[in-house]
Amino acid sequence: MALISKKKIPFKIGNSLRKYLSKCGRERELPLQYADLLRFDNSFPLLDKNGNDTLWESVTYAQNEMQDIYENLKIIYADLKTDGDASVIEHLVVDRVDICTYANTSPFRVRIINLVNDNYDYFYIKNADASRIYGLELEHLLSPNIVSYLTNQQTLVEEHIIGIPGDIFMQHHLNDFRLNPIRLAKEFVKFNERCFARLLGDMHSSNFVILTTPDFEDFHYRIRAIDFDQQCYEGSKSVYMPQYFKQNNAIIEMGMKYMTSESVRQYQKEERALIAHRIQSEKLRLKDLMKVLKHDQIYLPENLIQLKNELNEHHHSKAFNKCQSMGEVLDLHLQLIVD
């Protein structure tokens, strides 16, 4: 079973990471910072359609500030979605701003509505954490998913990742007669492999979503991480493997029922081959990122020692003894995984 050792420590964006983000077009001048949204003067619980508390709170701002705040939020949305094309915000309105009261970083979620067709979208504004930014960037480079996010000073803006939260999916959809358990279990194996390969931790069922896409004669599933705070931070190897979280047991048991050990190994090899291809395709950008990560202190020294020992045992190697940082550990681990 995977256990998180202690509360995650946030890390500020260093100069080298900032330069990397600027080079890749992630760092932008934004008209609003995370701290500006903290100036709300009232809040009230946000309930779901069944009247249950979502643990989010909707916030309101003073009348003399609200118009400017909402207009700046629309500009940020245009920066995130259309590279700053302001023409797209003409028919947009900010419907609601929510704050997550149970999360360590208290992120804000902004609901945007298009008045032309009543379609809505969300995006998030958060206190920037270097660990999370490395996680987002590695997701963009090494997973099948494209990730949109922006940074400015100590503010992080993220797109909304669509999907059914894993815990909700397990509660309400595993008994659906249309469910293809083999395909879902296969995707979980591949998701587990992606997380372990890039050392993304804490992927219990509340931290990933499941997308279901109709195929011409069945359904296809994609599991996507939505929380990236535990990137290269924990010392326990099992924290980086979703298969060891008890919250994921329903899908794990499904895999044990419908798949053989041979098929599991086949899917692991398939995902490693895809990761190797992505490494080759993004080798220049990944090289720049790893150069920064190798010199960034986004971990506790005792976690580094523990992870080196556990990965030495996992890979039947002593090569990790030479690693001086989590970035070096990740670089070597990726090499051994894809080899």
C-alpha atoms as a PDB file:
ATOM      1  CA  MET A   1       0.000   0.000   0.000  1.00  0.00           C
ATOM      2  CA  ALA A   2       1.256   3.477  -0.899  1.00  0.00           C
ATOM      3  CA  LEU A   3       1.620   5.978   1.928  1.00  0.00           C
ATOM      4  CA  ILE A   4       2.423   9.691   1.672  1.00  0.00           C
ATOM      5  CA  SER A   5       5.108  10.448   4.257  1.00  0.00           C
ATOM      6  CA  LYS A   6       4.009  13.954   5.236  1.00  0.00           C
ATOM      7  CA  LYS A   7       2.330  17.080   3.929  1.00  0.00           C
ATOM      8  CA  LYS A   8       3.822  18.194   0.616  1.00  0.00           C
ATOM      9  CA  ILE A   9       6.027  21.304   0.792  1.00  0.00           C
ATOM     10  CA  PRO A  10       5.449  23.830  -2.035  1.00  0.00           C
ATOM     11  CA  PHE A  11       8.527  25.135  -3.858  1.00  0.00           C
ATOM     12  CA  LYS A  12       8.873  28.489  -5.566  1.00  0.00           C
ATOM     13  CA  ILE A  13       9.809  28.828  -9.241  1.00  0.00           C
ATOM     14  CA  GLY A  14      13.566  29.329  -9.492  1.00  0.00           C
ATOM     15  CA  ASN A  15      15.381  31.483 -12.054  1.00  0.00           C
ATOM     16  CA  SER A  16      16.430  28.545 -14.238  1.00  0.00           C
ATOM     17  CA  LEU A  17      12.921  27.120 -14.397  1.00  0.00           C
ATOM     18  CA  ARG A  18      11.576  30.607 -15.150  1.00  0.00           C
ATOM     19  CA  LYS A  19      13.960  30.919 -18.111  1.00  0.00           C
ATOM     20  CA  TYR A  20      12.834  27.514 -19.390  1.00  0.00           C
ATOM     21  CA  LEU A  21       9.165  28.517 -19.106  1.00  0.00           C
ATOM     22  CA  SER A  22       9.839  31.784 -20.968  1.00  0.00           C
ATOM     23  CA  LYS A  23      11.683  29.933 -23.721  1.00  0.00           C
ATOM     24  CA  CYS A  24       8.745  27.530 -24.157  1.00  0.00           C
ATOM     25  CA  GLY A  25       6.099  30.266 -24.142  1.00  0.00           C
ATOM     26  CA  ARG A  26       4.638  29.284 -20.779  1.00  0.00           C
ATOM     27  CA  GLU A  27       5.628  32.459 -18.930  1.00  0.00           C
ATOM     28  CA  ARG A  28       3.320  35.374 -19.791  1.00  0.00           C
ATOM     29  CA  GLU A  29       2.436  38.774 -18.402  1.00  0.00           C
ATOM     30  CA  LEU A  30      -0.981  38.321 -16.805  1.00  0.00           C
ATOM     31  CA  PRO A  31      -3.351  41.148 -15.797  1.00  0.00           C
ATOM     32  CA  LEU A  32      -4.257  39.366 -12.562  1.00  0.00           C
ATOM     33  CA  GLN A  33      -2.359  37.403  -9.928  1.00  0.00           C
ATOM     34  CA  TYR A  34      -3.515  34.647  -7.589  1.00  0.00           C
ATOM     35  CA  ALA A  35      -3.231  37.055  -4.648  1.00  0.00           C
ATOM     36  CA  ASP A  36      -5.715  39.430  -6.310  1.00  0.00           C
ATOM     37  CA  LEU A  37      -8.438  36.784  -6.163  1.00  0.00           C
ATOM     38  CA  LEU A  38      -8.000  36.458  -2.414  1.00  0.00           C
ATOM     39  CA  ARG A  39      -9.617  39.872  -1.968  1.00  0.00           C
ATOM     40  CA  PHE A  40     -13.156  38.442  -2.020  1.00  0.00           C
ATOM     41  CA  ASP A  41     -15.542  39.896   0.542  1.00  0.00           C
ATOM     42  CA  ASN A  42     -17.980  36.999   0.853  1.00  0.00           C
ATOM     43  CA  SER A  43     -18.305  33.281   0.148  1.00  0.00           C
ATOM     44  CA  PHE A  44     -20.982  30.608   0.341  1.00  0.00           C
ATOM     45  CA  PRO A  45     -20.950  26.799  -0.041  1.00  0.00           C
ATOM     46  CA  LEU A  46     -21.298  25.465  -3.586  1.00  0.00           C
ATOM     47  CA  LEU A  47     -23.779  22.589  -3.810  1.00  0.00           C
ATOM     48  CA  ASP A  48     -24.068  20.026  -6.578  1.00  0.00           C
ATOM     49  CA  LYS A  49     -27.286  19.340  -8.494  1.00  0.00           C
ATOM     50  CA  ASN A  50     -28.385  16.943  -5.738  1.00  0.00           C
ATOM     51  CA  GLY A  51     -27.881  19.509  -2.988  1.00  0.00           C
ATOM     52  CA  ASN A  52     -24.672  17.985  -1.636  1.00  0.00           C
ATOM     53  CA  ASP A  53     -21.761  20.129  -0.452  1.00  0.00           C
ATOM     54  CA  THR A  54     -18.957  20.041  -3.038  1.00  0.00           C
ATOM     55  CA  LEU A  55     -16.384  21.414  -0.555  1.00  0.00           C
ATOM     56  CA  TRP A  56     -15.914  24.343  -2.938  1.00  0.00           C
ATOM     57  CA  GLU A  57     -17.116  27.822  -2.051  1.00  0.00           C
ATOM     58  CA  SER A  58     -18.297  30.466  -4.500  1.00  0.00           C
ATOM     59  CA  VAL A  59     -16.816  33.878  -3.784  1.00  0.00           C
ATOM     60  CA  THR A  60     -18.008  37.414  -4.490  1.00  0.00           C
ATOM     61  CA  TYR A  61     -16.091  40.660  -4.798  1.00  0.00           C
ATOM     62  CA  ALA A  62     -16.832  44.259  -3.944  1.00  0.00           C
ATOM     63  CA  GLN A  63     -18.823  46.053  -6.662  1.00  0.00           C
ATOM     64  CA  ASN A  64     -16.027  48.518  -7.373  1.00  0.00           C
ATOM     65  CA  GLU A  65     -13.588  45.627  -8.077  1.00  0.00           C
ATOM     66  CA  MET A  66     -15.735  42.917  -9.602  1.00  0.00           C
ATOM     67  CA  GLN A  67     -15.948  44.298 -13.154  1.00  0.00           C
ATOM     68  CA  ASP A  68     -12.173  44.690 -13.476  1.00  0.00           C
ATOM     69  CA  ILE A  69     -11.508  41.268 -11.961  1.00  0.00           C
ATOM     70  CA  TYR A  70     -13.988  39.537 -14.275  1.00  0.00           C
ATOM     71  CA  GLU A  71     -12.664  41.367 -17.357  1.00  0.00           C
ATOM     72  CA  ASN A  72      -9.097  40.369 -16.489  1.00  0.00           C
ATOM     73  CA  LEU A  73     -10.190  36.764 -15.980  1.00  0.00           C
ATOM     74  CA  LYS A  74     -11.577  36.733 -19.518  1.00  0.00           C
ATOM     75  CA  ILE A  75      -8.261  38.069 -20.840  1.00  0.00           C
ATOM     76  CA  ILE A  76      -6.411  35.289 -19.019  1.00  0.00           C
ATOM     77  CA  TYR A  77      -8.804  32.741 -20.534  1.00  0.00           C
ATOM     78  CA  ALA A  78      -7.989  34.091 -24.009  1.00  0.00           C
ATOM     79  CA  ASP A  79      -4.257  33.838 -23.237  1.00  0.00           C
ATOM     80  CA  LEU A  80      -4.718  30.216 -22.179  1.00  0.00           C
ATOM     81  CA  LYS A  81      -6.993  29.108 -25.009  1.00  0.00           C
ATOM     82  CA  THR A  82      -6.172  31.252 -28.062  1.00  0.00           C
ATOM     83  CA  ASP A  83      -2.699  32.649 -27.396  1.00  0.00           C
ATOM     84  CA  GLY A  84      -4.128  36.030 -26.442  1.00  0.00           C
ATOM     85  CA  ASP A  85      -6.654  36.561 -29.266  1.00  0.00           C
ATOM     86  CA  ALA A  86      -9.021  38.951 -27.463  1.00  0.00           C
ATOM     87  CA  SER A  87     -11.736  38.621 -30.101  1.00  0.00           C
ATOM     88  CA  VAL A  88     -12.851  35.344 -28.527  1.00  0.00           C
ATOM     89  CA  ILE A  89     -13.906  37.003 -25.268  1.00  0.00           C
ATOM     90  CA  GLU A  90     -16.524  39.261 -26.868  1.00  0.00           C
ATOM     91  CA  HIS A  91     -19.349  36.842 -26.083  1.00  0.00           C
ATOM     92  CA  LEU A  92     -17.894  35.406 -22.873  1.00  0.00           C
ATOM     93  CA  VAL A  93     -18.942  36.177 -19.309  1.00  0.00           C
ATOM     94  CA  VAL A  94     -17.533  35.032 -15.982  1.00  0.00           C
ATOM     95  CA  ASP A  95     -20.374  33.135 -14.367  1.00  0.00           C
ATOM     96  CA  ARG A  96     -18.714  32.157 -11.109  1.00  0.00           C
ATOM     97  CA  VAL A  97     -15.432  32.092  -9.190  1.00  0.00           C
ATOM     98  CA  ASP A  98     -14.974  29.256  -6.685  1.00  0.00           C
ATOM     99  CA  ILE A  99     -12.265  28.482  -4.137  1.00  0.00           C
ATOM    100  CA  CYS A 100     -11.376  24.976  -3.008  1.00  0.00           C
ATOM    101  CA  THR A 101     -11.398  25.097   0.775  1.00  0.00           C
ATOM    102  CA  TYR A 102     -10.023  21.595   1.457  1.00  0.00           C
ATOM    103  CA  ALA A 103      -6.928  21.714  -0.804  1.00  0.00           C
ATOM    104  CA  ASN A 104      -3.574  22.731   0.635  1.00  0.00           C
ATOM    105  CA  THR A 105      -3.035  25.473  -1.957  1.00  0.00           C
ATOM    106  CA  SER A 106      -6.635  26.838  -2.033  1.00  0.00           C
ATOM    107  CA  PRO A 107      -6.954  27.024  -5.849  1.00  0.00           C
ATOM    108  CA  PHE A 108      -9.555  29.146  -7.619  1.00  0.00           C
ATOM    109  CA  ARG A 109     -11.806  27.733 -10.336  1.00  0.00           C
ATOM    110  CA  VAL A 110     -13.358  30.116 -12.849  1.00  0.00           C
ATOM    111  CA  ARG A 111     -16.507  29.196 -14.778  1.00  0.00           C
ATOM    112  CA  ILE A 112     -16.782  30.905 -18.183  1.00  0.00           C
ATOM    113  CA  ILE A 113     -20.003  30.934 -20.249  1.00  0.00           C
ATOM    114  CA  ASN A 114     -20.388  31.670 -23.968  1.00  0.00           C
ATOM    115  CA  LEU A 115     -23.561  33.749 -24.339  1.00  0.00           C
ATOM    116  CA  VAL A 116     -24.026  32.680 -27.968  1.00  0.00           C
ATOM    117  CA  ASN A 117     -24.648  29.013 -27.209  1.00  0.00           C
ATOM    118  CA  ASP A 118     -24.650  28.804 -23.376  1.00  0.00           C
ATOM    119  CA  ASN A 119     -21.636  26.499 -23.510  1.00  0.00           C
ATOM    120  CA  TYR A 120     -19.369  26.707 -20.477  1.00  0.00           C
ATOM    121  CA  ASP A 121     -15.771  25.963 -19.603  1.00  0.00           C
ATOM    122  CA  TYR A 122     -13.528  26.156 -16.562  1.00  0.00           C
ATOM    123  CA  PHE A 123      -9.959  27.112 -15.805  1.00  0.00           C
ATOM    124  CA  TYR A 124      -7.931  27.334 -12.610  1.00  0.00           C
ATOM    125  CA  ILE A 125      -5.718  29.944 -10.992  1.00  0.00           C
ATOM    126  CA  LYS A 126      -3.309  28.664  -8.356  1.00  0.00           C
ATOM    127  CA  ASN A 127      -0.289  29.545  -6.293  1.00  0.00           C
ATOM    128  CA  ALA A 128       2.614  28.343  -8.420  1.00  0.00           C
ATOM    129  CA  ASP A 129       4.500  25.310  -7.102  1.00  0.00           C
ATOM    130  CA  ALA A 130       7.640  24.252  -8.979  1.00  0.00           C
ATOM    131  CA  SER A 131       6.879  20.559  -8.378  1.00  0.00           C
ATOM    132  CA  ARG A 132       3.503  20.935 -10.047  1.00  0.00           C
ATOM    133  CA  ILE A 133       4.988  22.804 -13.004  1.00  0.00           C
ATOM    134  CA  TYR A 134       7.546  20.051 -13.589  1.00  0.00           C
ATOM    135  CA  GLY A 135       4.675  17.571 -13.388  1.00  0.00           C
ATOM    136  CA  LEU A 136       2.597  19.489 -15.937  1.00  0.00           C
ATOM    137  CA  GLU A 137       5.534  19.827 -18.307  1.00  0.00           C
ATOM    138  CA  LEU A 138       6.456  16.146 -18.093  1.00  0.00           C
ATOM    139  CA  GLU A 139       2.812  15.247 -18.682  1.00  0.00           C
ATOM    140  CA  HIS A 140       2.884  17.386 -21.813  1.00  0.00           C
ATOM    141  CA  LEU A 141       6.126  15.842 -23.086  1.00  0.00           C
ATOM    142  CA  LEU A 142       5.872  12.178 -22.067  1.00  0.00           C
ATOM    143  CA  SER A 143       2.160  11.341 -22.022  1.00  0.00           C
ATOM    144  CA  PRO A 144      -0.375  11.170 -24.885  1.00  0.00           C
ATOM    145  CA  ASN A 145      -1.997  14.348 -23.513  1.00  0.00           C
ATOM    146  CA  ILE A 146      -1.439  17.980 -24.496  1.00  0.00           C
ATOM    147  CA  VAL A 147      -1.466  20.273 -21.457  1.00  0.00           C
ATOM    148  CA  SER A 148      -2.202  24.003 -21.526  1.00  0.00           C
ATOM    149  CA  TYR A 149      -0.928  26.133 -18.656  1.00  0.00           C
ATOM    150  CA  LEU A 150       0.682  29.541 -18.072  1.00  0.00           C
ATOM    151  CA  THR A 151       2.810  31.060 -15.345  1.00  0.00           C
ATOM    152  CA  ASN A 152       3.483  34.603 -14.210  1.00  0.00           C
ATOM    153  CA  GLN A 153       5.499  35.447 -11.108  1.00  0.00           C
ATOM    154  CA  GLN A 154       4.080  33.069  -8.480  1.00  0.00           C
ATOM    155  CA  THR A 155       0.766  32.491 -10.275  1.00  0.00           C
ATOM    156  CA  LEU A 156      -0.139  29.351 -12.232  1.00  0.00           C
ATOM    157  CA  VAL A 157      -3.058  29.169 -14.691  1.00  0.00           C
ATOM    158  CA  GLU A 158      -4.276  25.733 -15.809  1.00  0.00           C
ATOM    159  CA  GLU A 159      -6.886  24.497 -18.228  1.00  0.00           C
ATOM    160  CA  HIS A 160      -9.683  22.244 -17.010  1.00  0.00           C
ATOM    161  CA  ILE A 161      -9.017  18.564 -17.743  1.00  0.00           C
ATOM    162  CA  ILE A 162     -12.260  16.945 -18.812  1.00  0.00           C
ATOM    163  CA  GLY A 163     -13.286  13.574 -17.455  1.00  0.00           C
ATOM    164  CA  ILE A 164     -15.139  11.739 -14.692  1.00  0.00           C
ATOM    165  CA  PRO A 165     -13.170  11.743 -11.424  1.00  0.00           C
ATOM    166  CA  GLY A 166     -11.831   8.261 -10.761  1.00  0.00           C
ATOM    167  CA  ASP A 167     -13.636   7.820  -7.451  1.00  0.00           C
ATOM    168  CA  ILE A 168     -16.976   8.866  -8.987  1.00  0.00           C
ATOM    169  CA  PHE A 169     -16.408   6.562 -11.969  1.00  0.00           C
ATOM    170  CA  MET A 170     -15.776   3.592  -9.673  1.00  0.00           C
ATOM    171  CA  GLN A 171     -18.890   4.345  -7.625  1.00  0.00           C
ATOM    172  CA  HIS A 172     -21.333   4.802 -10.492  1.00  0.00           C
ATOM    173  CA  HIS A 173     -19.995   3.360 -13.756  1.00  0.00           C
ATOM    174  CA  LEU A 174     -18.189   0.061 -13.106  1.00  0.00           C
ATOM    175  CA  ASN A 175     -21.501  -1.833 -13.237  1.00  0.00           C
ATOM    176  CA  ASP A 176     -22.648  -0.191 -16.479  1.00  0.00           C
ATOM    177  CA  PHE A 177     -23.559  -2.975 -18.934  1.00  0.00           C
ATOM    178  CA  ARG A 178     -21.764  -1.049 -21.673  1.00  0.00           C
ATOM    179  CA  LEU A 179     -18.467  -1.041 -19.780  1.00  0.00           C
ATOM    180  CA  ASN A 180     -15.599  -2.914 -21.399  1.00  0.00           C
ATOM    181  CA  PRO A 181     -13.642  -4.093 -18.335  1.00  0.00           C
ATOM    182  CA  ILE A 182     -10.673  -5.407 -20.334  1.00  0.00           C
ATOM    183  CA  ARG A 183     -10.096  -2.101 -22.103  1.00  0.00           C
ATOM    184  CA  LEU A 184     -10.436  -0.145 -18.864  1.00  0.00           C
ATOM    185  CA  ALA A 185      -8.048  -2.470 -17.030  1.00  0.00           C
ATOM    186  CA  LYS A 186      -5.585  -2.229 -19.913  1.00  0.00           C
ATOM    187  CA  GLU A 187      -5.659   1.576 -19.715  1.00  0.00           C
ATOM    188  CA  PHE A 188      -5.021   1.458 -15.972  1.00  0.00           C
ATOM    189  CA  VAL A 189      -1.931  -0.690 -16.560  1.00  0.00           C
ATOM    190  CA  LYS A 190      -0.653   1.828 -19.084  1.00  0.00           C
ATOM    191  CA  PHE A 191      -1.505   4.752 -16.781  1.00  0.00           C
ATOM    192  CA  ASN A 192       0.365   3.022 -13.958  1.00  0.00           C
ATOM    193  CA  GLU A 193       3.373   2.613 -16.235  1.00  0.00           C
ATOM    194  CA  ARG A 194       3.335   6.282 -17.314  1.00  0.00           C
ATOM    195  CA  CYS A 195       3.190   7.516 -13.717  1.00  0.00           C
ATOM    196  CA  PHE A 196       5.992   5.253 -12.543  1.00  0.00           C
ATOM    197  CA  ALA A 197       8.217   6.010 -15.520  1.00  0.00           C
ATOM    198  CA  ARG A 198       8.155   9.757 -14.870  1.00  0.00           C
ATOM    199  CA  LEU A 199       7.872   9.535 -11.060  1.00  0.00           C
ATOM    200  CA  LEU A 200       4.478  11.224 -10.728  1.00  0.00           C
ATOM    201  CA  GLY A 201       3.088  10.295  -7.323  1.00  0.00           C
ATOM    202  CA  ASP A 202      -0.164  10.257  -5.371  1.00  0.00           C
ATOM    203  CA  MET A 203      -2.384   9.000  -8.181  1.00  0.00           C
ATOM    204  CA  HIS A 204      -5.257   7.742  -6.063  1.00  0.00           C
ATOM    205  CA  SER A 205      -8.765   7.837  -7.493  1.00  0.00           C
ATOM    206  CA  SER A 206      -9.456  11.492  -6.605  1.00  0.00           C
ATOM    207  CA  ASN A 207      -6.390  12.680  -8.507  1.00  0.00           C
ATOM    208  CA  PHE A 208      -7.186  11.311 -11.959  1.00  0.00           C
ATOM    209  CA  VAL A 209     -10.135  11.366 -14.327  1.00  0.00           C
ATOM    210  CA  ILE A 210     -11.443   8.779 -16.770  1.00  0.00           C
ATOM    211  CA  LEU A 211     -12.567   9.737 -20.260  1.00  0.00           C
ATOM    212  CA  THR A 212     -14.842   7.412 -22.203  1.00  0.00           C
ATOM    213  CA  THR A 213     -14.869   7.736 -25.993  1.00  0.00           C
ATOM    214  CA  PRO A 214     -17.256   5.706 -28.191  1.00  0.00           C
ATOM    215  CA  ASP A 215     -15.389   3.629 -30.756  1.00  0.00           C
ATOM    216  CA  PHE A 216     -17.022   2.293 -33.914  1.00  0.00           C
ATOM    217  CA  GLU A 217     -18.029  -0.890 -32.111  1.00  0.00           C
ATOM    218  CA  ASP A 218     -17.063  -0.364 -28.467  1.00  0.00           C
ATOM    219  CA  PHE A 219     -15.618   2.208 -26.026  1.00  0.00           C
ATOM    220  CA  HIS A 220     -12.115   3.534 -25.565  1.00  0.00           C
ATOM    221  CA  TYR A 221     -10.820   4.744 -22.186  1.00  0.00           C
ATOM    222  CA  ARG A 222      -8.148   7.256 -21.242  1.00  0.00           C
ATOM    223  CA  ILE A 223      -7.003   7.909 -17.682  1.00  0.00           C
ATOM    224  CA  ARG A 224      -5.519  11.368 -17.104  1.00  0.00           C
ATOM    225  CA  ALA A 225      -3.799  12.797 -14.059  1.00  0.00           C
ATOM    226  CA  ILE A 226      -5.248  16.055 -12.737  1.00  0.00           C
ATOM    227  CA  ASP A 227      -2.931  16.603  -9.757  1.00  0.00           C
ATOM    228  CA  PHE A 228       0.778  17.081 -10.359  1.00  0.00           C
ATOM    229  CA  ASP A 229       2.055  18.264  -6.966  1.00  0.00           C
ATOM    230  CA  GLN A 230       3.809  14.985  -6.153  1.00  0.00           C
ATOM    231  CA  GLN A 231       6.342  15.091  -8.976  1.00  0.00           C
ATOM    232  CA  CYS A 232       9.734  13.682  -7.921  1.00  0.00           C
ATOM    233  CA  TYR A 233       9.059  14.408  -4.252  1.00  0.00           C
ATOM    234  CA  GLU A 234       8.336  11.271  -2.211  1.00  0.00           C
ATOM    235  CA  GLY A 235      10.907   8.681  -1.188  1.00  0.00           C
ATOM    236  CA  SER A 236       8.720   5.587  -1.449  1.00  0.00           C
ATOM    237  CA  LYS A 237       8.671   3.893  -4.847  1.00  0.00           C
ATOM    238  CA  SER A 238       5.092   2.687  -4.306  1.00  0.00           C
ATOM    239  CA  VAL A 239       3.790   6.290  -4.149  1.00  0.00           C
ATOM    240  CA  TYR A 240       4.611   6.569  -7.869  1.00  0.00           C
ATOM    241  CA  MET A 241       2.582   3.461  -8.755  1.00  0.00           C
ATOM    242  CA  PRO A 242      -1.241   3.876  -8.755  1.00  0.00           C
ATOM    243  CA  GLN A 243      -1.608   0.104  -8.332  1.00  0.00           C
ATOM    244  CA  TYR A 244      -0.619   0.448  -4.665  1.00  0.00           C
ATOM    245  CA  PHE A 245      -3.356   2.895  -3.628  1.00  0.00           C
ATOM    246  CA  LYS A 246      -6.288   1.198  -1.918  1.00  0.00           C
ATOM    247  CA  GLN A 247      -8.632   3.844  -3.378  1.00  0.00           C
ATOM    248  CA  ASN A 248      -7.970   2.260  -6.796  1.00  0.00           C
ATOM    249  CA  ASN A 249      -8.785  -1.297  -5.686  1.00  0.00           C
ATOM    250  CA  ALA A 250     -11.999  -1.570  -7.718  1.00  0.00           C
ATOM    251  CA  ILE A 251     -10.137  -1.147 -11.011  1.00  0.00           C
ATOM    252  CA  ILE A 252      -7.172  -3.203  -9.793  1.00  0.00           C
ATOM    253  CA  GLU A 253      -9.455  -6.121  -8.892  1.00  0.00           C
ATOM    254  CA  MET A 254     -11.078  -5.821 -12.314  1.00  0.00           C
ATOM    255  CA  GLY A 255      -7.659  -6.154 -13.919  1.00  0.00           C
ATOM    256  CA  MET A 256      -6.830  -9.214 -11.819  1.00  0.00           C
ATOM    257  CA  LYS A 257     -10.101 -10.791 -12.954  1.00  0.00           C
ATOM    258  CA  TYR A 258      -9.838 -10.106 -16.684  1.00  0.00           C
ATOM    259  CA  MET A 259      -6.114 -10.018 -17.477  1.00  0.00           C
ATOM    260  CA  THR A 260      -3.255 -12.478 -17.294  1.00  0.00           C
ATOM    261  CA  SER A 261       0.256 -11.607 -16.173  1.00  0.00           C
ATOM    262  CA  GLU A 262       1.393 -12.064 -19.786  1.00  0.00           C
ATOM    263  CA  SER A 263      -1.078  -9.480 -21.079  1.00  0.00           C
ATOM    264  CA  VAL A 264      -0.071  -7.048 -18.323  1.00  0.00           C
ATOM    265  CA  ARG A 265       3.580  -7.338 -19.350  1.00  0.00           C
ATOM    266  CA  GLN A 266       2.593  -6.804 -22.981  1.00  0.00           C
ATOM    267  CA  TYR A 267       0.749  -3.555 -22.157  1.00  0.00           C
ATOM    268  CA  GLN A 268       3.659  -2.370 -20.021  1.00  0.00           C
ATOM    269  CA  LYS A 269       6.036  -2.935 -22.917  1.00  0.00           C
ATOM    270  CA  GLU A 270       3.689  -1.136 -25.299  1.00  0.00           C
ATOM    271  CA  GLU A 271       3.572   1.927 -23.031  1.00  0.00           C
ATOM    272  CA  ARG A 272       7.337   1.936 -22.535  1.00  0.00           C
ATOM    273  CA  ALA A 273       7.791   1.876 -26.304  1.00  0.00           C
ATOM    274  CA  LEU A 274       5.464   4.881 -26.617  1.00  0.00           C
ATOM    275  CA  ILE A 275       7.357   6.722 -23.875  1.00  0.00           C
ATOM    276  CA  ALA A 276      10.633   5.997 -25.666  1.00  0.00           C
ATOM    277  CA  HIS A 277       9.163   7.432 -28.865  1.00  0.00           C
ATOM    278  CA  ARG A 278       8.024  10.580 -27.040  1.00  0.00           C
ATOM    279  CA  ILE A 279      11.469  10.990 -25.472  1.00  0.00           C
ATOM    280  CA  GLN A 280      13.016  10.844 -28.926  1.00  0.00           C
ATOM    281  CA  SER A 281      10.457  13.235 -30.412  1.00  0.00           C
ATOM    282  CA  GLU A 282      10.892  15.798 -27.629  1.00  0.00           C
ATOM    283  CA  LYS A 283      14.574  15.161 -26.881  1.00  0.00           C
ATOM    284  CA  LEU A 284      15.725  18.793 -27.177  1.00  0.00           C
ATOM    285  CA  ARG A 285      12.996  20.259 -25.002  1.00  0.00           C
ATOM    286  CA  LEU A 286      13.225  17.349 -22.553  1.00  0.00           C
ATOM    287  CA  LYS A 287      17.000  17.817 -22.347  1.00  0.00           C
ATOM    288  CA  ASP A 288      16.502  21.493 -21.424  1.00  0.00           C
ATOM    289  CA  LEU A 289      13.912  20.579 -18.792  1.00  0.00           C
ATOM    290  CA  MET A 290      16.033  17.828 -17.229  1.00  0.00           C
ATOM    291  CA  LYS A 291      19.023  20.166 -17.069  1.00  0.00           C
ATOM    292  CA  VAL A 292      16.959  22.543 -14.935  1.00  0.00           C
ATOM    293  CA  LEU A 293      15.353  19.793 -12.839  1.00  0.00           C
ATOM    294  CA  LYS A 294      18.711  18.204 -11.999  1.00  0.00           C
ATOM    295  CA  HIS A 295      19.795  21.382 -10.214  1.00  0.00           C
ATOM    296  CA  ASP A 296      16.459  22.243  -8.581  1.00  0.00           C
ATOM    297  CA  GLN A 297      15.798  21.387  -4.924  1.00  0.00           C
ATOM    298  CA  ILE A 298      12.166  20.243  -4.981  1.00  0.00           C
ATOM    299  CA  TYR A 299      12.501  17.381  -2.502  1.00  0.00           C
ATOM    300  CA  LEU A 300      13.656  16.515   0.990  1.00  0.00           C
ATOM    301  CA  PRO A 301      17.152  14.959   1.282  1.00  0.00           C
ATOM    302  CA  GLU A 302      15.822  11.927   3.146  1.00  0.00           C
ATOM    303  CA  ASN A 303      13.321  11.260   0.343  1.00  0.00           C
ATOM    304  CA  LEU A 304      16.130  11.285  -2.212  1.00  0.00           C
ATOM    305  CA  ILE A 305      18.119   8.726  -0.217  1.00  0.00           C
ATOM    306  CA  GLN A 306      15.124   6.431   0.221  1.00  0.00           C
ATOM    307  CA  LEU A 307      14.087   6.567  -3.441  1.00  0.00           C
ATOM    308  CA  LYS A 308      17.625   5.869  -4.665  1.00  0.00           C
ATOM    309  CA  ASN A 309      17.751   2.752  -2.483  1.00  0.00           C
ATOM    310  CA  GLU A 310      14.338   1.507  -3.581  1.00  0.00           C
ATOM    311  CA  LEU A 311      15.021   2.091  -7.283  1.00  0.00           C
ATOM    312  CA  ASN A 312      18.385   0.346  -6.984  1.00  0.00           C
ATOM    313  CA  GLU A 313      16.504  -2.668  -5.681  1.00  0.00           C
ATOM    314  CA  HIS A 314      13.783  -2.365  -8.332  1.00  0.00           C
ATOM    315  CA  HIS A 315      16.231  -2.196 -11.236  1.00  0.00           C
ATOM    316  CA  HIS A 316      18.740  -4.635  -9.675  1.00  0.00           C
ATOM    317  CA  SER A 317      21.361  -1.937  -9.964  1.00  0.00           C
ATOM    318  CA  LYS A 318      23.638   0.311  -7.932  1.00  0.00           C
ATOM    319  CA  ALA A 319      23.648   3.091 -10.521  1.00  0.00           C
ATOM    320  CA  PHE A 320      21.336   5.342  -8.492  1.00  0.00           C
ATOM    321  CA  ASN A 321      24.010   5.713  -5.803  1.00  0.00           C
ATOM    322  CA  LYS A 322      25.711   8.277  -8.034  1.00  0.00           C
ATOM    323  CA  CYS A 323      22.604  10.467  -8.362  1.00  0.00           C
ATOM    324  CA  GLN A 324      22.857  13.786  -6.519  1.00  0.00           C
ATOM    325  CA  SER A 325      19.292  15.036  -7.102  1.00  0.00           C
ATOM    326  CA  MET A 326      15.785  13.889  -7.944  1.00  0.00           C
ATOM    327  CA  GLY A 327      16.326  15.163 -11.472  1.00  0.00           C
ATOM    328  CA  GLU A 328      19.274  12.809 -11.902  1.00  0.00           C
ATOM    329  CA  VAL A 329      17.219   9.969 -10.418  1.00  0.00           C
ATOM    330  CA  LEU A 330      14.395  10.622 -12.894  1.00  0.00           C
ATOM    331  CA  ASP A 331      16.771  10.837 -15.847  1.00  0.00           C
ATOM    332  CA  LEU A 332      18.405   7.503 -15.009  1.00  0.00           C
ATOM    333  CA  HIS A 333      15.070   5.861 -14.172  1.00  0.00           C
ATOM    334  CA  LEU A 334      13.624   6.872 -17.562  1.00  0.00           C
ATOM    335  CA  GLN A 335      16.666   5.422 -19.328  1.00  0.00           C
ATOM    336  CA  LEU A 336      16.344   2.104 -17.526  1.00  0.00           C
ATOM    337  CA  ILE A 337      12.573   1.940 -18.025  1.00  0.00           C
ATOM    338  CA  VAL A 338      12.663   2.470 -21.785  1.00  0.00           C
ATOM    339  CA  ASP A 339      15.756   0.285 -22.258  1.00  0.00           C
END
